C-alpha atoms as a PDB file:
ATOM      1  CA  MET A   1      32.717  -2.662 -24.129  1.00  0.00           C
ATOM      2  CA  ASN A   2      33.153  -2.641 -20.439  1.00  0.00           C
ATOM      3  CA  ARG A   3      36.334  -4.544 -19.585  1.00  0.00           C
ATOM      4  CA  ASP A   4      35.627  -4.860 -15.731  1.00  0.00           C
ATOM      5  CA  PHE A   5      32.374  -6.565 -15.122  1.00  0.00           C
ATOM      6  CA  SER A   6      29.529  -8.362 -16.860  1.00  0.00           C
ATOM      7  CA  PHE A   7      25.855  -9.022 -15.810  1.00  0.00           C
ATOM      8  CA  ILE A   8      24.102 -12.351 -15.360  1.00  0.00           C
ATOM      9  CA  ILE A   9      20.335 -12.206 -15.265  1.00  0.00           C
ATOM     10  CA  LEU A  10      17.753 -14.923 -14.520  1.00  0.00           C
ATOM     11  CA  THR A  11      14.470 -14.873 -16.288  1.00  0.00           C
ATOM     12  CA  PHE A  12      11.061 -16.537 -16.768  1.00  0.00           C
ATOM     13  CA  ASN A  13       8.043 -14.584 -18.410  1.00  0.00           C
ATOM     14  CA  GLU A  14       9.796 -11.082 -17.327  1.00  0.00           C
ATOM     15  CA  GLU A  15       8.449  -8.854 -20.178  1.00  0.00           C
ATOM     16  CA  ILE A  16       7.068  -6.743 -17.383  1.00  0.00           C
ATOM     17  CA  HIS A  17      10.443  -6.121 -15.837  1.00  0.00           C
ATOM     18  CA  LEU A  18      13.178  -7.062 -18.128  1.00  0.00           C
ATOM     19  CA  ARG A  19      13.276  -3.554 -20.143  1.00  0.00           C
ATOM     20  CA  ARG A  20      13.150  -1.814 -17.024  1.00  0.00           C
ATOM     21  CA  LEU A  21      16.362  -3.338 -15.628  1.00  0.00           C
ATOM     22  CA  LEU A  22      18.203  -3.286 -18.888  1.00  0.00           C
ATOM     23  CA  GLU A  23      17.407   0.284 -19.477  1.00  0.00           C
ATOM     24  CA  SER A  24      18.915   1.101 -15.908  1.00  0.00           C
ATOM     25  CA  ILE A  25      22.244  -0.599 -16.952  1.00  0.00           C
ATOM     26  CA  LYS A  26      22.473  -0.152 -20.761  1.00  0.00           C
ATOM     27  CA  ASP A  27      24.900   2.841 -20.511  1.00  0.00           C
ATOM     28  CA  LEU A  28      27.537   0.836 -18.706  1.00  0.00           C
ATOM     29  CA  HIS A  29      28.275  -0.953 -21.897  1.00  0.00           C
ATOM     30  CA  ALA A  30      28.773  -4.140 -19.937  1.00  0.00           C
ATOM     31  CA  GLU A  31      27.975  -7.450 -21.433  1.00  0.00           C
ATOM     32  CA  VAL A  32      24.702  -8.967 -20.552  1.00  0.00           C
ATOM     33  CA  PHE A  33      24.082 -12.752 -20.272  1.00  0.00           C
ATOM     34  CA  ILE A  34      20.478 -14.108 -19.530  1.00  0.00           C
ATOM     35  CA  LEU A  35      19.750 -17.398 -18.427  1.00  0.00           C
ATOM     36  CA  ASP A  36      15.873 -18.101 -19.041  1.00  0.00           C
ATOM     37  CA  SER A  37      13.786 -21.071 -17.994  1.00  0.00           C
ATOM     38  CA  GLY A  38      11.225 -21.414 -20.789  1.00  0.00           C
ATOM     39  CA  SER A  39       9.672 -18.008 -21.159  1.00  0.00           C
ATOM     40  CA  THR A  40       6.531 -17.967 -23.425  1.00  0.00           C
ATOM     41  CA  ASP A  41       5.908 -14.217 -23.352  1.00  0.00           C
ATOM     42  CA  ASP A  42       8.367 -11.303 -24.984  1.00  0.00           C
ATOM     43  CA  THR A  43      11.201 -11.859 -22.702  1.00  0.00           C
ATOM     44  CA  LEU A  44      13.645 -13.215 -25.113  1.00  0.00           C
ATOM     45  CA  LYS A  45      12.558 -10.668 -27.722  1.00  0.00           C
ATOM     46  CA  ILE A  46      13.456  -7.880 -25.206  1.00  0.00           C
ATOM     47  CA  ALA A  47      16.495  -9.604 -24.409  1.00  0.00           C
ATOM     48  CA  GLN A  48      17.705  -9.998 -27.929  1.00  0.00           C
ATOM     49  CA  ALA A  49      16.800  -6.284 -28.621  1.00  0.00           C
ATOM     50  CA  TYR A  50      19.515  -5.232 -25.950  1.00  0.00           C
ATOM     51  CA  GLY A  51      22.100  -7.715 -27.343  1.00  0.00           C
ATOM     52  CA  ALA A  52      22.061 -10.224 -24.637  1.00  0.00           C
ATOM     53  CA  GLU A  53      23.685 -13.670 -24.897  1.00  0.00           C
ATOM     54  CA  ILE A  54      20.809 -16.165 -23.901  1.00  0.00           C
ATOM     55  CA  GLN A  55      20.737 -19.648 -22.818  1.00  0.00           C
ATOM     56  CA  ASN A  56      17.962 -21.804 -21.612  1.00  0.00           C
ATOM     57  CA  ASN A  57      17.783 -24.155 -18.461  1.00  0.00           C
ATOM     58  CA  PRO A  58      14.845 -25.958 -16.900  1.00  0.00           C
ATOM     59  CA  PHE A  59      14.417 -24.289 -13.443  1.00  0.00           C
ATOM     60  CA  VAL A  60      14.420 -26.449 -10.259  1.00  0.00           C
ATOM     61  CA  ASN A  61      15.295 -23.751  -7.796  1.00  0.00           C
ATOM     62  CA  HIS A  62      17.229 -20.392  -7.568  1.00  0.00           C
ATOM     63  CA  PRO A  63      20.456 -21.689  -6.276  1.00  0.00           C
ATOM     64  CA  LYS A  64      20.734 -24.432  -8.977  1.00  0.00           C
ATOM     65  CA  GLN A  65      19.671 -22.120 -11.475  1.00  0.00           C
ATOM     66  CA  TRP A  66      22.602 -19.622 -10.392  1.00  0.00           C
ATOM     67  CA  ASP A  67      24.832 -22.439 -10.151  1.00  0.00           C
ATOM     68  CA  PHE A  68      24.090 -23.443 -14.021  1.00  0.00           C
ATOM     69  CA  ALA A  69      24.598 -19.750 -15.021  1.00  0.00           C
ATOM     70  CA  LEU A  70      27.993 -19.165 -13.471  1.00  0.00           C
ATOM     71  CA  LYS A  71      29.227 -22.418 -14.878  1.00  0.00           C
ATOM     72  CA  ASN A  72      27.996 -22.370 -18.304  1.00  0.00           C
ATOM     73  CA  PHE A  73      28.319 -18.679 -19.457  1.00  0.00           C
ATOM     74  CA  ASP A  74      31.912 -17.643 -20.757  1.00  0.00           C
ATOM     75  CA  ILE A  75      32.433 -14.492 -18.592  1.00  0.00           C
ATOM     76  CA  LYS A  76      35.730 -12.888 -19.672  1.00  0.00           C
ATOM     77  CA  THR A  77      35.581  -9.892 -17.297  1.00  0.00           C
ATOM     78  CA  PRO A  78      37.285 -10.061 -13.882  1.00  0.00           C
ATOM     79  CA  TRP A  79      33.862  -9.412 -12.047  1.00  0.00           C
ATOM     80  CA  THR A  80      30.391 -10.791 -12.496  1.00  0.00           C
ATOM     81  CA  ILE A  81      27.157  -9.100 -11.138  1.00  0.00           C
ATOM     82  CA  GLY A  82      24.120 -11.483 -10.671  1.00  0.00           C
ATOM     83  CA  LEU A  83      20.744  -9.779 -10.845  1.00  0.00           C
ATOM     84  CA  ASP A  84      16.967 -10.880 -10.871  1.00  0.00           C
ATOM     85  CA  ALA A  85      14.875  -9.575 -13.585  1.00  0.00           C
ATOM     86  CA  ASP A  86      12.582  -7.619 -11.187  1.00  0.00           C
ATOM     87  CA  GLN A  87      15.354  -5.361  -9.796  1.00  0.00           C
ATOM     88  CA  MET A  88      16.795  -2.279 -11.311  1.00  0.00           C
ATOM     89  CA  VAL A  89      19.918  -0.091 -10.626  1.00  0.00           C
ATOM     90  CA  THR A  90      19.338   3.382  -9.277  1.00  0.00           C
ATOM     91  CA  PRO A  91      21.396   6.467 -10.781  1.00  0.00           C
ATOM     92  CA  GLU A  92      23.440   6.425  -7.550  1.00  0.00           C
ATOM     93  CA  LEU A  93      24.535   2.832  -7.909  1.00  0.00           C
ATOM     94  CA  PHE A  94      25.126   3.388 -11.554  1.00  0.00           C
ATOM     95  CA  ASP A  95      27.333   5.991 -10.795  1.00  0.00           C
ATOM     96  CA  GLN A  96      29.481   3.775  -8.470  1.00  0.00           C
ATOM     97  CA  LEU A  97      29.507   0.986 -11.186  1.00  0.00           C
ATOM     98  CA  GLN A  98      30.380   3.384 -13.633  1.00  0.00           C
ATOM     99  CA  LYS A  99      33.331   4.572 -11.757  1.00  0.00           C
ATOM    100  CA  PHE A 100      34.360   1.106 -10.800  1.00  0.00           C
ATOM    101  CA  LYS A 101      37.812  -0.192 -12.035  1.00  0.00           C
ATOM    102  CA  ASN A 102      39.151  -3.469 -11.220  1.00  0.00           C
ATOM    103  CA  ILE A 103      42.648  -2.141 -10.455  1.00  0.00           C
ATOM    104  CA  ASP A 104      41.301  -0.142  -7.347  1.00  0.00           C
ATOM    105  CA  PHE A 105      39.911  -3.397  -5.718  1.00  0.00           C
ATOM    106  CA  GLU A 106      42.829  -5.675  -5.327  1.00  0.00           C
ATOM    107  CA  GLY A 107      42.217  -7.991  -2.374  1.00  0.00           C
ATOM    108  CA  ILE A 108      38.263  -7.824  -2.851  1.00  0.00           C
ATOM    109  CA  ASN A 109      36.390 -10.878  -3.724  1.00  0.00           C
ATOM    110  CA  GLY A 110      32.905  -9.413  -3.488  1.00  0.00           C
ATOM    111  CA  ILE A 111      30.808  -6.410  -3.040  1.00  0.00           C
ATOM    112  CA  TYR A 112      27.309  -6.088  -1.362  1.00  0.00           C
ATOM    113  CA  PHE A 113      24.562  -3.893  -2.872  1.00  0.00           C
ATOM    114  CA  ASN A 114      21.845  -1.976  -0.760  1.00  0.00           C
ATOM    115  CA  ARG A 115      18.535  -3.303  -1.714  1.00  0.00           C
ATOM    116  CA  LYS A 116      15.181  -1.266  -1.359  1.00  0.00           C
ATOM    117  CA  ASN A 117      12.113  -3.589  -1.612  1.00  0.00           C
ATOM    118  CA  TYR A 118       8.828  -2.712  -2.793  1.00  0.00           C
ATOM    119  CA  PHE A 119       5.557  -4.636  -2.503  1.00  0.00           C
ATOM    120  CA  GLN A 120       2.524  -3.264  -4.514  1.00  0.00           C
ATOM    121  CA  GLY A 121       4.015  -0.090  -4.965  1.00  0.00           C
ATOM    122  CA  SER A 122       5.024   0.512  -1.288  1.00  0.00           C
ATOM    123  CA  TRP A 123       8.621   0.470   0.096  1.00  0.00           C
ATOM    124  CA  ILE A 124       9.018  -1.831   2.944  1.00  0.00           C
ATOM    125  CA  ARG A 125      11.140   0.458   5.141  1.00  0.00           C
ATOM    126  CA  TYR A 126      10.731  -1.029   8.482  1.00  0.00           C
ATOM    127  CA  GLY A 127      10.466  -4.568   9.910  1.00  0.00           C
ATOM    128  CA  GLY A 128      14.081  -5.535   9.107  1.00  0.00           C
ATOM    129  CA  TYR A 129      13.660  -5.071   5.509  1.00  0.00           C
ATOM    130  CA  TYR A 130      16.061  -1.976   5.025  1.00  0.00           C
ATOM    131  CA  PRO A 131      18.873  -1.670   4.765  1.00  0.00           C
ATOM    132  CA  ILE A 132      19.376  -5.192   3.394  1.00  0.00           C
ATOM    133  CA  TYR A 133      22.760  -5.918   1.883  1.00  0.00           C
ATOM    134  CA  LEU A 134      23.200  -8.530  -0.848  1.00  0.00           C
ATOM    135  CA  LEU A 135      26.249 -10.035  -2.185  1.00  0.00           C
ATOM    136  CA  LYS A 136      25.608  -9.280  -5.905  1.00  0.00           C
ATOM    137  CA  MET A 137      28.992  -8.544  -7.382  1.00  0.00           C
ATOM    138  CA  PHE A 138      32.163 -10.951  -7.294  1.00  0.00           C
ATOM    139  CA  ARG A 139      35.166 -11.977  -8.824  1.00  0.00           C
ATOM    140  CA  THR A 140      34.460 -14.156 -11.712  1.00  0.00           C
ATOM    141  CA  GLY A 141      35.340 -17.876 -11.078  1.00  0.00           C
ATOM    142  CA  ILE A 142      35.576 -17.035  -7.260  1.00  0.00           C
ATOM    143  CA  GLY A 143      31.846 -16.329  -6.326  1.00  0.00           C
ATOM    144  CA  HIS A 144      29.618 -19.377  -6.473  1.00  0.00           C
ATOM    145  CA  SER A 145      26.014 -20.199  -5.697  1.00  0.00           C
ATOM    146  CA  ASP A 146      25.119 -21.605  -2.181  1.00  0.00           C
ATOM    147  CA  LEU A 147      23.349 -24.981  -3.288  1.00  0.00           C
ATOM    148  CA  ASN A 148      22.630 -26.113   0.511  1.00  0.00           C
ATOM    149  CA  GLU A 149      19.201 -24.113   0.478  1.00  0.00           C
ATOM    150  CA  ASN A 150      16.426 -24.723  -1.653  1.00  0.00           C
ATOM    151  CA  MET A 151      14.883 -21.360  -1.895  1.00  0.00           C
ATOM    152  CA  ASP A 152      16.878 -18.512  -0.279  1.00  0.00           C
ATOM    153  CA  HIS A 153      19.472 -17.870  -2.704  1.00  0.00           C
ATOM    154  CA  ARG A 154      23.034 -16.198  -1.929  1.00  0.00           C
ATOM    155  CA  PHE A 155      26.342 -16.025  -3.540  1.00  0.00           C
ATOM    156  CA  ILE A 156      29.449 -16.925  -1.504  1.00  0.00           C
ATOM    157  CA  VAL A 157      32.698 -15.763  -1.872  1.00  0.00           C
ATOM    158  CA  PRO A 158      36.125 -16.591   0.054  1.00  0.00           C
ATOM    159  CA  GLY A 159      38.144 -13.731   1.472  1.00  0.00           C
ATOM    160  CA  LYS A 160      37.421  -9.853   1.841  1.00  0.00           C
ATOM    161  CA  THR A 161      34.114  -8.181   0.877  1.00  0.00           C
ATOM    162  CA  LEU A 162      32.853  -4.522   0.794  1.00  0.00           C
ATOM    163  CA  ILE A 163      29.426  -3.125   1.223  1.00  0.00           C
ATOM    164  CA  TRP A 164      28.196  -0.254  -0.785  1.00  0.00           C
ATOM    165  CA  LYS A 165      25.780   1.597   1.499  1.00  0.00           C
ATOM    166  CA  LYS A 166      25.038   4.337  -1.116  1.00  0.00           C
ATOM    167  CA  GLY A 167      22.972   3.674  -4.145  1.00  0.00           C
ATOM    168  CA  HIS A 168      20.579   0.844  -4.427  1.00  0.00           C
ATOM    169  CA  LEU A 169      19.111  -2.073  -5.928  1.00  0.00           C
ATOM    170  CA  LEU A 170      15.258  -1.346  -6.196  1.00  0.00           C
ATOM    171  CA  GLU A 171      13.362  -4.817  -6.189  1.00  0.00           C
ATOM    172  CA  GLU A 172       9.809  -4.796  -6.865  1.00  0.00           C
ATOM    173  CA  ASN A 173       7.906  -7.766  -8.511  1.00  0.00           C
ATOM    174  CA  LEU A 174       5.074  -6.313 -10.350  1.00  0.00           C
ATOM    175  CA  LYS A 175       3.250  -9.623 -10.821  1.00  0.00           C
ATOM    176  CA  GLU A 176       2.688  -9.523  -7.177  1.00  0.00           C
ATOM    177  CA  ASN A 177       0.141  -6.672  -7.695  1.00  0.00           C
ATOM    178  CA  ASP A 178      -2.155  -9.821  -8.120  1.00  0.00           C
ATOM    179  CA  ILE A 179      -2.146 -11.301  -4.851  1.00  0.00           C
ATOM    180  CA  ASP A 180      -3.182 -14.606  -6.141  1.00  0.00           C
ATOM    181  CA  PHE A 181       0.178 -14.680  -7.840  1.00  0.00           C
ATOM    182  CA  TRP A 182       1.820 -13.935  -4.467  1.00  0.00           C
ATOM    183  CA  PHE A 183       0.144 -16.596  -2.889  1.00  0.00           C
ATOM    184  CA  LYS A 184       0.674 -19.336  -5.676  1.00  0.00           C
ATOM    185  CA  LYS A 185       4.334 -18.415  -5.431  1.00  0.00           C
ATOM    186  CA  HIS A 186       4.875 -18.783  -1.744  1.00  0.00           C
ATOM    187  CA  GLU A 187       2.883 -22.184  -1.751  1.00  0.00           C
ATOM    188  CA  LYS A 188       5.589 -23.490  -3.846  1.00  0.00           C
ATOM    189  CA  TYR A 189       8.267 -21.678  -1.710  1.00  0.00           C
ATOM    190  CA  SER A 190       6.848 -23.321   1.319  1.00  0.00           C
ATOM    191  CA  ASP A 191       7.209 -26.563  -0.189  1.00  0.00           C
ATOM    192  CA  LEU A 192      10.848 -26.112  -0.855  1.00  0.00           C
ATOM    193  CA  ILE A 193      11.621 -24.659   2.588  1.00  0.00           C
ATOM    194  CA  ALA A 194       9.761 -27.284   4.399  1.00  0.00           C
ATOM    195  CA  GLN A 195      11.536 -30.054   2.400  1.00  0.00           C
ATOM    196  CA  GLU A 196      14.955 -28.457   3.211  1.00  0.00           C
ATOM    197  CA  GLU A 197      14.378 -28.174   6.877  1.00  0.00           C
ATOM    198  CA  ILE A 198      13.232 -31.700   7.117  1.00  0.00           C
ATOM    199  CA  GLU A 199      16.899 -32.726   5.435  1.00  0.00           C
ATOM    200  CA  ARG A 200      18.502 -30.519   7.988  1.00  0.00           C
ATOM    201  CA  MET A 201      16.979 -32.413  10.914  1.00  0.00           C
ATOM    202  CA  GLN A 202      18.358 -35.581   9.189  1.00  0.00           C
ATOM    203  CA  ASN A 203      21.855 -33.850   8.770  1.00  0.00           C
ATOM    204  CA  LEU A 204      21.444 -34.248   5.002  1.00  0.00           C
ATOM    205  CA  ARG A 205      22.335 -30.330   4.606  1.00  0.00           C
ATOM    206  CA  THR A 206      24.821 -28.185   6.547  1.00  0.00           C
ATOM    207  CA  GLN A 207      25.553 -24.394   6.155  1.00  0.00           C
ATOM    208  CA  LEU A 208      28.557 -23.408   3.999  1.00  0.00           C
ATOM    209  CA  LEU A 209      28.934 -20.140   5.707  1.00  0.00           C
ATOM    210  CA  LYS A 210      30.111 -19.749   9.414  1.00  0.00           C
ATOM    211  CA  PRO A 211      27.524 -18.222  11.505  1.00  0.00           C
ATOM    212  CA  ASN A 212      28.669 -15.113  12.851  1.00  0.00           C
ATOM    213  CA  LEU A 213      26.443 -12.502  14.564  1.00  0.00           C
ATOM    214  CA  TRP A 214      29.307  -9.819  14.057  1.00  0.00           C
ATOM    215  CA  GLY A 215      30.357 -10.892  10.421  1.00  0.00           C
ATOM    216  CA  ASN A 216      29.456  -9.882   7.257  1.00  0.00           C
ATOM    217  CA  PRO A 217      25.664  -9.695   6.206  1.00  0.00           C
ATOM    218  CA  ASP A 218      25.424 -13.296   5.098  1.00  0.00           C
ATOM    219  CA  GLU A 219      27.441 -14.762   8.073  1.00  0.00           C
ATOM    220  CA  LYS A 220      24.980 -12.781  10.251  1.00  0.00           C
ATOM    221  CA  LYS A 221      21.954 -14.333   8.439  1.00  0.00           C
ATOM    222  CA  ALA A 222      23.605 -17.739   8.808  1.00  0.00           C
ATOM    223  CA  TRP A 223      23.639 -17.119  12.724  1.00  0.00           C
ATOM    224  CA  LEU A 224      20.198 -16.070  12.722  1.00  0.00           C
ATOM    225  CA  LYS A 225      18.899 -19.024  10.607  1.00  0.00           C
ATOM    226  CA  ARG A 226      20.744 -21.427  12.871  1.00  0.00           C
ATOM    227  CA  LEU A 227      18.892 -19.891  15.673  1.00  0.00           C
ATOM    228  CA  TRP A 228      15.534 -20.128  13.715  1.00  0.00           C
ATOM    229  CA  TRP A 229      15.944 -23.830  13.202  1.00  0.00           C
ATOM    230  CA  LYS A 230      16.052 -24.317  16.964  1.00  0.00           C
ATOM    231  CA  LEU A 231      12.813 -22.544  17.839  1.00  0.00           C
ATOM    232  CA  PRO A 232       9.619 -24.488  18.389  1.00  0.00           C
ATOM    233  CA  LEU A 233       7.609 -25.048  15.094  1.00  0.00           C
ATOM    234  CA  GLY A 234       4.303 -23.209  15.326  1.00  0.00           C
ATOM    235  CA  LEU A 235       5.604 -20.614  17.936  1.00  0.00           C
ATOM    236  CA  ARG A 236       8.375 -19.258  15.987  1.00  0.00           C
ATOM    237  CA  PRO A 237       6.392 -17.480  13.386  1.00  0.00           C
ATOM    238  CA  TYR A 238       4.502 -15.508  15.926  1.00  0.00           C
ATOM    239  CA  LEU A 239       7.966 -14.728  17.661  1.00  0.00           C
ATOM    240  CA  TYR A 240       9.398 -13.620  14.478  1.00  0.00           C
ATOM    241  CA  TYR A 241       6.327 -11.565  13.418  1.00  0.00           C
ATOM    242  CA  SER A 242       6.363  -9.796  16.853  1.00  0.00           C
ATOM    243  CA  TYR A 243      10.067  -9.122  16.353  1.00  0.00           C
ATOM    244  CA  ARG A 244       9.677  -7.426  13.016  1.00  0.00           C
ATOM    245  CA  MET A 245       6.499  -5.326  13.931  1.00  0.00           C
ATOM    246  CA  ILE A 246       7.720  -4.177  17.451  1.00  0.00           C
ATOM    247  CA  PHE A 247      11.479  -4.490  17.685  1.00  0.00           C
ATOM    248  CA  LYS A 248      12.111  -3.685  13.879  1.00  0.00           C
ATOM    249  CA  LEU A 249       9.395  -0.988  13.997  1.00  0.00           C
ATOM    250  CA  GLY A 250       7.332  -2.713  11.147  1.00  0.00           C
ATOM    251  CA  ILE A 251       4.139  -0.983  12.664  1.00  0.00           C
ATOM    252  CA  LEU A 252       5.459   2.346  11.458  1.00  0.00           C
ATOM    253  CA  ASP A 253       5.107   1.017   7.680  1.00  0.00           C
ATOM    254  CA  ASN A 254       2.112   2.019   5.643  1.00  0.00           C
ATOM    255  CA  LYS A 255      -0.850  -0.445   5.420  1.00  0.00           C
ATOM    256  CA  THR A 256       0.331  -2.000   2.430  1.00  0.00           C
ATOM    257  CA  ALA A 257       3.780  -2.583   3.888  1.00  0.00           C
ATOM    258  CA  ARG A 258       2.221  -4.084   7.066  1.00  0.00           C
ATOM    259  CA  ARG A 259       0.038  -6.307   5.035  1.00  0.00           C
ATOM    260  CA  PHE A 260       3.525  -7.586   3.459  1.00  0.00           C
ATOM    261  CA  HIS A 261       4.876  -8.206   6.977  1.00  0.00           C
ATOM    262  CA  TYR A 262       1.847 -10.067   8.054  1.00  0.00           C
ATOM    263  CA  LEU A 263       1.772 -12.237   4.980  1.00  0.00           C
ATOM    264  CA  GLN A 264       5.573 -12.830   4.513  1.00  0.00           C
ATOM    265  CA  GLY A 265       6.365 -12.613   8.322  1.00  0.00           C
ATOM    266  CA  LEU A 266       3.567 -14.626   9.844  1.00  0.00           C
ATOM    267  CA  TRP A 267       1.124 -16.325   6.998  1.00  0.00           C
ATOM    268  CA  PHE A 268       4.050 -17.815   5.204  1.00  0.00           C
ATOM    269  CA  ARG A 269       6.087 -18.957   8.122  1.00  0.00           C
ATOM    270  CA  LYS A 270       3.027 -20.590   9.591  1.00  0.00           C
ATOM    271  CA  LEU A 271       2.511 -22.533   6.161  1.00  0.00           C
ATOM    272  CA  VAL A 272       5.969 -23.760   6.268  1.00  0.00           C
ATOM    273  CA  ASP A 273       5.763 -25.008   9.928  1.00  0.00           C
ATOM    274  CA  GLU A 274       2.496 -26.821   9.061  1.00  0.00           C
ATOM    275  CA  LYS A 275       4.121 -28.421   6.172  1.00  0.00           C
ATOM    276  CA  ILE A 276       7.235 -29.462   8.217  1.00  0.00           C
ATOM    277  CA  SER A 277       4.825 -31.121  10.783  1.00  0.00           C
ATOM    278  CA  LYS A 278       2.974 -33.065   8.011  1.00  0.00           C
ATOM    279  CA  LEU A 279       6.308 -34.367   6.797  1.00  0.00           C
ATOM    280  CA  LYS A 280       7.638 -35.368  10.065  1.00  0.00           C
ATOM    281  CA  ASN A 281       4.100 -36.988  11.006  1.00  0.00           C
ATOM    282  CA  PRO A 282       2.863 -38.464   7.641  1.00  0.00           C
END
């Protein structure tokens, strides 16, 4: 059994994804812990077939679900890797993990993985969507879930971090091949984000990370979010979409990826702003 790291995976009706992910990591011989939120398909049967330890917790949002997972699984390895069920490890990333030894990373508390995101079979290569570095591997008991956001989840660690630019996490939610699923999911997400931004306006939420344009990937994102919250409602979705399509070259993506930029970068952001306006002026 791997003595250096263990995996935690969140699931809810992930039979279409989970086997794909577990196959990509099984030969690392690491313990797998799965936190499910009430799956009614074969998700749990698949998890059991791969020897995973399973717990259940009702879903509120991703940050709270990850917080529960980190606090309730008995992880004995010095490192934890937190993955979503619709992700998978490429052979290049697998090779880095296979060579990983805790003793070689003294003084490091977190490692960022490079993500490649796919939508309906198309890699979202431009528009600021690649490369994107996600803190996915961290020292057990040191990394924690950022509870100051309703939807946009991240792990936080103090101290030094590394970025692994080689190898990738591939992320593709196959459920989104049904565009109605995408719309319903983002309707829920827009409620969470709108409520969060109202609470920020009321000073009920603050950023845990120090915003820093020249810092690590999460500190940079915190800086950009702070800027975003200052932009005028209704105008900022158009500014952001233009930024993605022109300055971040989203126009060079294929038709499917360009549709993603429109849906995620403009339609969704407009929906959020509309809901914020309604909450401000009931």
